[in-house]
Amino acid sequence: MLEDWTIYSWYCPNCKTQVAGLKNKKNQIRVICTKCSAEMVRTVVGRRHDVIDIYAPIGMEHSDLELREH
């Protein structure tokens, strides 16, 4: 059985820190940002279609996250 050990990386939309992770069996990459502690789940839907869900850290409301204007 062939295993895919490709590292997927992108920048956190909240604080612009680079994050990286490995894909699991559900075609998802789960990472937690080291700077703002936001949890992200990147789902690979197709060849040119990825979906990134961003979850606020425990104890923070949606309005407490500071989004940068860059």
N, C-alpha and C. Protein backbone atom coordinates (compact mmCIF):
# COMPACT_ATOMS: atom_id res chain seq x y z
N MET A 1 0.84 -1.17 0.00
CA MET A 1 0.00 0.00 0.00
C MET A 1 0.89 1.24 0.00
N LEU A 2 0.60 2.17 -0.90
CA LEU A 2 1.38 3.38 -1.04
C LEU A 2 0.88 4.45 -0.08
N GLU A 3 1.78 5.05 0.69
CA GLU A 3 1.39 6.10 1.63
C GLU A 3 1.86 7.45 1.12
N ASP A 4 1.01 8.46 1.30
CA ASP A 4 1.33 9.81 0.86
C ASP A 4 1.82 10.62 2.06
N TRP A 5 3.09 11.00 2.05
CA TRP A 5 3.67 11.79 3.13
C TRP A 5 3.96 13.22 2.67
N THR A 6 3.08 13.76 1.85
CA THR A 6 3.24 15.12 1.37
C THR A 6 2.84 16.11 2.45
N ILE A 7 3.68 17.12 2.68
CA ILE A 7 3.37 18.16 3.66
C ILE A 7 2.62 19.27 2.95
N TYR A 8 1.45 19.62 3.48
CA TYR A 8 0.64 20.70 2.92
C TYR A 8 0.81 21.91 3.82
N SER A 9 1.14 23.06 3.23
CA SER A 9 1.32 24.27 4.03
C SER A 9 0.57 25.43 3.41
N TRP A 10 0.14 26.34 4.27
CA TRP A 10 -0.53 27.57 3.85
C TRP A 10 -0.37 28.58 4.97
N TYR A 11 -0.86 29.79 4.75
CA TYR A 11 -0.76 30.84 5.75
C TYR A 11 -2.09 30.98 6.49
N CYS A 12 -2.02 31.16 7.79
CA CYS A 12 -3.21 31.34 8.62
C CYS A 12 -3.92 32.62 8.19
N PRO A 13 -5.20 32.55 7.83
CA PRO A 13 -5.93 33.76 7.42
C PRO A 13 -6.11 34.77 8.56
N ASN A 14 -5.93 34.33 9.79
CA ASN A 14 -6.13 35.21 10.94
C ASN A 14 -4.89 36.04 11.26
N CYS A 15 -3.71 35.39 11.30
CA CYS A 15 -2.50 36.09 11.75
C CYS A 15 -1.35 36.03 10.75
N LYS A 16 -1.53 35.40 9.61
CA LYS A 16 -0.53 35.31 8.53
C LYS A 16 0.71 34.51 8.91
N THR A 17 0.59 33.57 9.83
CA THR A 17 1.68 32.67 10.18
C THR A 17 1.58 31.42 9.32
N GLN A 18 2.72 30.90 8.87
CA GLN A 18 2.70 29.70 8.05
C GLN A 18 2.41 28.48 8.92
N VAL A 19 1.47 27.65 8.46
CA VAL A 19 1.11 26.42 9.15
C VAL A 19 1.27 25.25 8.18
N ALA A 20 1.48 24.05 8.71
CA ALA A 20 1.68 22.88 7.85
C ALA A 20 1.13 21.64 8.54
N GLY A 21 0.71 20.67 7.73
CA GLY A 21 0.17 19.44 8.27
C GLY A 21 0.16 18.33 7.24
N LEU A 22 -0.21 17.14 7.68
CA LEU A 22 -0.30 15.97 6.81
C LEU A 22 -1.75 15.56 6.63
N LYS A 23 -2.05 14.95 5.50
CA LYS A 23 -3.41 14.54 5.17
C LYS A 23 -3.75 13.23 5.87
N ASN A 24 -4.99 13.12 6.38
CA ASN A 24 -5.44 11.88 7.00
C ASN A 24 -6.27 11.07 6.00
N LYS A 25 -6.89 9.99 6.46
CA LYS A 25 -7.64 9.10 5.57
C LYS A 25 -8.90 9.74 5.00
N LYS A 26 -9.40 10.80 5.64
CA LYS A 26 -10.61 11.48 5.17
C LYS A 26 -10.30 12.63 4.21
N ASN A 27 -9.08 12.72 3.70
CA ASN A 27 -8.64 13.81 2.82
C ASN A 27 -8.68 15.15 3.54
N GLN A 28 -8.39 15.17 4.84
CA GLN A 28 -8.39 16.40 5.62
C GLN A 28 -7.00 16.65 6.20
N ILE A 29 -6.64 17.93 6.28
CA ILE A 29 -5.40 18.34 6.94
C ILE A 29 -5.81 19.19 8.13
N ARG A 30 -5.51 18.72 9.34
CA ARG A 30 -5.89 19.46 10.56
C ARG A 30 -4.63 20.08 11.16
N VAL A 31 -4.69 21.40 11.41
CA VAL A 31 -3.56 22.10 12.03
C VAL A 31 -4.09 23.11 13.05
N ILE A 32 -3.23 23.46 14.00
CA ILE A 32 -3.52 24.52 14.97
C ILE A 32 -2.40 25.55 14.84
N CYS A 33 -2.77 26.79 14.63
CA CYS A 33 -1.80 27.87 14.47
C CYS A 33 -1.05 28.08 15.78
N THR A 34 0.27 28.20 15.69
CA THR A 34 1.09 28.37 16.89
C THR A 34 1.02 29.79 17.44
N LYS A 35 0.62 30.74 16.63
CA LYS A 35 0.58 32.14 17.08
C LYS A 35 -0.77 32.53 17.67
N CYS A 36 -1.87 32.25 16.94
CA CYS A 36 -3.20 32.69 17.40
C CYS A 36 -4.06 31.55 17.93
N SER A 37 -3.61 30.31 17.86
CA SER A 37 -4.29 29.11 18.36
C SER A 37 -5.59 28.79 17.64
N ALA A 38 -5.79 29.33 16.45
CA ALA A 38 -6.97 28.99 15.66
C ALA A 38 -6.77 27.60 15.06
N GLU A 39 -7.81 26.78 15.11
CA GLU A 39 -7.75 25.44 14.53
C GLU A 39 -8.31 25.48 13.12
N MET A 40 -7.59 24.89 12.17
CA MET A 40 -8.02 24.89 10.78
C MET A 40 -8.12 23.46 10.27
N VAL A 41 -9.16 23.21 9.49
CA VAL A 41 -9.34 21.92 8.84
C VAL A 41 -9.45 22.19 7.35
N ARG A 42 -8.45 21.72 6.61
CA ARG A 42 -8.43 21.90 5.15
C ARG A 42 -8.86 20.59 4.52
N THR A 43 -9.95 20.63 3.76
CA THR A 43 -10.49 19.44 3.11
C THR A 43 -10.22 19.54 1.62
N VAL A 44 -9.59 18.51 1.07
CA VAL A 44 -9.31 18.46 -0.36
C VAL A 44 -10.53 17.87 -1.04
N VAL A 45 -11.27 18.70 -1.79
CA VAL A 45 -12.50 18.27 -2.44
C VAL A 45 -12.20 17.73 -3.83
N GLY A 46 -11.37 18.42 -4.56
CA GLY A 46 -11.04 18.01 -5.92
C GLY A 46 -9.64 18.46 -6.28
N ARG A 47 -9.30 18.30 -7.53
CA ARG A 47 -7.96 18.64 -7.98
C ARG A 47 -7.65 20.12 -7.79
N ARG A 48 -8.65 20.97 -8.01
CA ARG A 48 -8.44 22.42 -7.89
C ARG A 48 -9.40 23.05 -6.88
N HIS A 49 -9.87 22.28 -5.92
CA HIS A 49 -10.86 22.79 -4.97
C HIS A 49 -10.51 22.31 -3.56
N ASP A 50 -10.12 23.25 -2.70
CA ASP A 50 -9.87 22.98 -1.29
C ASP A 50 -10.80 23.85 -0.46
N VAL A 51 -11.25 23.34 0.68
CA VAL A 51 -12.09 24.09 1.60
C VAL A 51 -11.36 24.17 2.93
N ILE A 52 -11.22 25.40 3.49
CA ILE A 52 -10.56 25.58 4.78
C ILE A 52 -11.59 26.09 5.78
N ASP A 53 -11.84 25.31 6.84
CA ASP A 53 -12.73 25.71 7.93
C ASP A 53 -11.86 26.20 9.08
N ILE A 54 -12.18 27.38 9.63
CA ILE A 54 -11.39 27.97 10.71
C ILE A 54 -12.25 27.99 11.97
N TYR A 55 -11.71 27.45 13.06
CA TYR A 55 -12.41 27.40 14.33
C TYR A 55 -11.65 28.24 15.35
N ALA A 56 -12.38 29.08 16.10
CA ALA A 56 -11.77 29.93 17.12
C ALA A 56 -11.26 29.07 18.27
N PRO A 57 -10.22 29.54 18.97
CA PRO A 57 -9.73 28.80 20.13
C PRO A 57 -10.79 28.70 21.22
N ILE A 58 -10.66 27.71 22.08
CA ILE A 58 -11.62 27.51 23.17
C ILE A 58 -11.59 28.73 24.08
N GLY A 59 -12.76 29.26 24.39
CA GLY A 59 -12.86 30.42 25.26
C GLY A 59 -12.94 31.74 24.52
N MET A 60 -12.77 31.73 23.21
CA MET A 60 -12.86 32.97 22.43
C MET A 60 -14.12 32.95 21.58
N GLU A 61 -14.79 34.05 21.53
CA GLU A 61 -15.96 34.18 20.67
C GLU A 61 -15.53 34.59 19.27
N HIS A 62 -16.45 34.50 18.33
CA HIS A 62 -16.16 34.89 16.95
C HIS A 62 -15.77 36.35 16.87
N SER A 63 -16.37 37.21 17.68
CA SER A 63 -16.08 38.64 17.64
C SER A 63 -14.75 38.99 18.31
N ASP A 64 -14.17 38.06 19.08
CA ASP A 64 -12.92 38.34 19.77
C ASP A 64 -11.69 38.16 18.88
N LEU A 65 -11.83 37.44 17.77
CA LEU A 65 -10.70 37.25 16.87
C LEU A 65 -10.42 38.55 16.13
N GLU A 66 -9.16 38.95 16.12
CA GLU A 66 -8.79 40.18 15.43
C GLU A 66 -8.34 39.82 14.03
N LEU A 67 -9.09 40.26 13.04
CA LEU A 67 -8.73 40.00 11.66
C LEU A 67 -7.92 41.18 11.13
N ARG A 68 -6.80 40.88 10.51
CA ARG A 68 -5.95 41.93 9.97
C ARG A 68 -6.48 42.38 8.61
N GLU A 69 -6.15 43.59 8.22
CA GLU A 69 -6.64 44.15 6.97
C GLU A 69 -5.56 44.15 5.89
N HIS A 70 -4.77 43.09 5.79
CA HIS A 70 -3.71 43.03 4.78
C HIS A 70 -4.14 42.20 3.62
